[in-house]
Amino acid sequence: MTASRTSAGLEGRKDGHTALMSAAAMGNPAIAQAVVDDGWTVLCIAVEGGSPDVIKTLVEANADLTARTPHGFMPLKLAEVWYKQSGGKTEYKTIADCLSGKGAK
């Protein structure tokens, strides 16, 4: 059984977020492997968003831990970069720990 896009909250938003972005923000594992048009995977976008719960959901849904951004960064490296750029926000440390615990390099 599949829900409609509207009932699943995937209809997109008026603030410019696409249905894919909304699904990633909600931690919907059905889109874990999806790739947005500019080459960023949902996992990489979620790392930037800084939600450990979303990362855990995507990792448990077998998101690709080796996917690279158009700039060549893998999710773990992104978490490390965001940790430093954020001044040490614990969310990014938690994300990095989650990713490395699942074998990300």
C-alpha atoms as a PDB file:
ATOM      1  CA  MET A   1       0.000   0.000   0.000  1.00  0.00           C
ATOM      2  CA  THR A   2       1.390   3.383  -0.923  1.00  0.00           C
ATOM      3  CA  ALA A   3       0.159   6.725   0.300  1.00  0.00           C
ATOM      4  CA  SER A   4      -0.653   9.534  -2.068  1.00  0.00           C
ATOM      5  CA  ARG A   5       1.965  12.267  -2.376  1.00  0.00           C
ATOM      6  CA  THR A   6      -0.314  14.674  -0.518  1.00  0.00           C
ATOM      7  CA  SER A   7      -1.130  12.359   2.374  1.00  0.00           C
ATOM      8  CA  ALA A   8       2.539  11.460   2.680  1.00  0.00           C
ATOM      9  CA  GLY A   9       3.477  15.148   2.840  1.00  0.00           C
ATOM     10  CA  LEU A  10       5.437  14.980  -0.417  1.00  0.00           C
ATOM     11  CA  GLU A  11       3.536  17.585  -2.406  1.00  0.00           C
ATOM     12  CA  GLY A  12       6.309  20.154  -2.039  1.00  0.00           C
ATOM     13  CA  ARG A  13       6.082  23.505  -0.325  1.00  0.00           C
ATOM     14  CA  LYS A  14       5.470  27.069  -1.370  1.00  0.00           C
ATOM     15  CA  ASP A  15       8.848  28.167   0.030  1.00  0.00           C
ATOM     16  CA  GLY A  16      10.683  26.549  -2.865  1.00  0.00           C
ATOM     17  CA  HIS A  17      11.380  23.167  -1.325  1.00  0.00           C
ATOM     18  CA  THR A  18      10.745  20.308  -3.680  1.00  0.00           C
ATOM     19  CA  ALA A  19       8.909  17.145  -2.738  1.00  0.00           C
ATOM     20  CA  LEU A  20      12.294  15.435  -2.505  1.00  0.00           C
ATOM     21  CA  MET A  21      13.605  18.039  -0.069  1.00  0.00           C
ATOM     22  CA  SER A  22      10.456  17.776   2.030  1.00  0.00           C
ATOM     23  CA  ALA A  23      10.768  14.003   2.156  1.00  0.00           C
ATOM     24  CA  ALA A  24      14.411  14.256   3.211  1.00  0.00           C
ATOM     25  CA  ALA A  25      13.558  16.757   5.922  1.00  0.00           C
ATOM     26  CA  MET A  26      10.865  14.399   7.217  1.00  0.00           C
ATOM     27  CA  GLY A  27      13.312  11.490   7.287  1.00  0.00           C
ATOM     28  CA  ASN A  28      11.351   9.454   4.731  1.00  0.00           C
ATOM     29  CA  PRO A  29      13.510   6.387   3.984  1.00  0.00           C
ATOM     30  CA  ALA A  30      11.738   5.728   0.674  1.00  0.00           C
ATOM     31  CA  ILE A  31      13.801   8.513  -0.892  1.00  0.00           C
ATOM     32  CA  ALA A  32      17.134   7.607   0.684  1.00  0.00           C
ATOM     33  CA  GLN A  33      18.756   6.734  -2.635  1.00  0.00           C
ATOM     34  CA  ALA A  34      17.264   9.553  -4.661  1.00  0.00           C
ATOM     35  CA  VAL A  35      19.561  12.127  -6.199  1.00  0.00           C
ATOM     36  CA  VAL A  36      18.614  15.722  -6.834  1.00  0.00           C
ATOM     37  CA  ASP A  37      19.315  17.331 -10.182  1.00  0.00           C
ATOM     38  CA  ASP A  38      22.541  19.044  -9.161  1.00  0.00           C
ATOM     39  CA  GLY A  39      24.220  15.799  -8.078  1.00  0.00           C
ATOM     40  CA  TRP A  40      23.651  15.990  -4.315  1.00  0.00           C
ATOM     41  CA  THR A  41      22.247  12.844  -2.734  1.00  0.00           C
ATOM     42  CA  VAL A  42      19.574  13.121  -0.088  1.00  0.00           C
ATOM     43  CA  LEU A  43      22.099  11.877   2.467  1.00  0.00           C
ATOM     44  CA  CYS A  44      24.521  14.682   1.631  1.00  0.00           C
ATOM     45  CA  ILE A  45      21.718  17.250   1.825  1.00  0.00           C
ATOM     46  CA  ALA A  46      20.619  15.788   5.153  1.00  0.00           C
ATOM     47  CA  VAL A  47      24.169  15.999   6.545  1.00  0.00           C
ATOM     48  CA  GLU A  48      24.178  19.691   5.738  1.00  0.00           C
ATOM     49  CA  GLY A  49      20.803  20.006   7.463  1.00  0.00           C
ATOM     50  CA  GLY A  50      22.311  18.687  10.682  1.00  0.00           C
ATOM     51  CA  SER A  51      19.615  16.289  11.906  1.00  0.00           C
ATOM     52  CA  PRO A  52      21.079  13.109  13.394  1.00  0.00           C
ATOM     53  CA  ASP A  53      17.634  11.463  13.329  1.00  0.00           C
ATOM     54  CA  VAL A  54      17.286  11.996   9.587  1.00  0.00           C
ATOM     55  CA  ILE A  55      20.803  10.675   9.016  1.00  0.00           C
ATOM     56  CA  LYS A  56      20.044   7.574  11.076  1.00  0.00           C
ATOM     57  CA  THR A  57      16.869   6.963   9.059  1.00  0.00           C
ATOM     58  CA  LEU A  58      18.691   7.316   5.755  1.00  0.00           C
ATOM     59  CA  VAL A  59      21.613   5.133   6.844  1.00  0.00           C
ATOM     60  CA  GLU A  60      19.225   2.434   8.073  1.00  0.00           C
ATOM     61  CA  ALA A  61      17.522   2.613   4.661  1.00  0.00           C
ATOM     62  CA  ASN A  62      20.897   1.807   3.056  1.00  0.00           C
ATOM     63  CA  ALA A  63      21.730   5.277   1.767  1.00  0.00           C
ATOM     64  CA  ASP A  64      24.973   5.275  -0.199  1.00  0.00           C
ATOM     65  CA  LEU A  65      27.746   6.242   2.233  1.00  0.00           C
ATOM     66  CA  THR A  66      30.221   6.588  -0.634  1.00  0.00           C
ATOM     67  CA  ALA A  67      28.198   9.034  -2.741  1.00  0.00           C
ATOM     68  CA  ARG A  68      30.072  12.202  -3.545  1.00  0.00           C
ATOM     69  CA  THR A  69      28.891  15.763  -3.951  1.00  0.00           C
ATOM     70  CA  PRO A  70      29.787  17.566  -7.175  1.00  0.00           C
ATOM     71  CA  HIS A  71      32.800  18.868  -5.189  1.00  0.00           C
ATOM     72  CA  GLY A  72      33.968  15.356  -4.321  1.00  0.00           C
ATOM     73  CA  PHE A  73      32.941  15.224  -0.650  1.00  0.00           C
ATOM     74  CA  MET A  74      31.454  12.065   0.817  1.00  0.00           C
ATOM     75  CA  PRO A  75      28.884  12.310   3.656  1.00  0.00           C
ATOM     76  CA  LEU A  76      31.385  11.733   6.486  1.00  0.00           C
ATOM     77  CA  LYS A  77      33.697  14.446   5.206  1.00  0.00           C
ATOM     78  CA  LEU A  78      30.726  16.801   4.894  1.00  0.00           C
ATOM     79  CA  ALA A  79      29.807  16.137   8.530  1.00  0.00           C
ATOM     80  CA  GLU A  80      33.381  16.880   9.592  1.00  0.00           C
ATOM     81  CA  VAL A  81      33.470  20.103   7.563  1.00  0.00           C
ATOM     82  CA  TRP A  82      30.121  21.263   8.942  1.00  0.00           C
ATOM     83  CA  TYR A  83      31.246  20.391  12.473  1.00  0.00           C
ATOM     84  CA  LYS A  84      34.237  22.701  12.093  1.00  0.00           C
ATOM     85  CA  GLN A  85      32.330  25.457  10.276  1.00  0.00           C
ATOM     86  CA  SER A  86      29.547  25.424  12.879  1.00  0.00           C
ATOM     87  CA  GLY A  87      31.973  26.020  15.719  1.00  0.00           C
ATOM     88  CA  GLY A  88      31.612  22.485  17.024  1.00  0.00           C
ATOM     89  CA  LYS A  89      27.854  21.873  17.030  1.00  0.00           C
ATOM     90  CA  THR A  90      27.270  18.484  18.599  1.00  0.00           C
ATOM     91  CA  GLU A  91      24.720  17.521  15.936  1.00  0.00           C
ATOM     92  CA  TYR A  92      27.457  17.278  13.325  1.00  0.00           C
ATOM     93  CA  LYS A  93      29.691  15.244  15.659  1.00  0.00           C
ATOM     94  CA  THR A  94      26.775  12.870  16.251  1.00  0.00           C
ATOM     95  CA  ILE A  95      26.233  12.605  12.492  1.00  0.00           C
ATOM     96  CA  ALA A  96      29.933  11.916  11.881  1.00  0.00           C
ATOM     97  CA  ASP A  97      29.912   9.237  14.601  1.00  0.00           C
ATOM     98  CA  CYS A  98      26.820   7.616  13.078  1.00  0.00           C
ATOM     99  CA  LEU A  99      28.344   7.568   9.615  1.00  0.00           C
ATOM    100  CA  SER A 100      31.738   6.289  10.715  1.00  0.00           C
ATOM    101  CA  GLY A 101      30.030   3.668  12.878  1.00  0.00           C
ATOM    102  CA  LYS A 102      28.383   2.335   9.730  1.00  0.00           C
ATOM    103  CA  GLY A 103      31.681   2.189   7.858  1.00  0.00           C
ATOM    104  CA  ALA A 104      31.704   5.532   6.073  1.00  0.00           C
ATOM    105  CA  LYS A 105      35.129   6.837   5.136  1.00  0.00           C
END
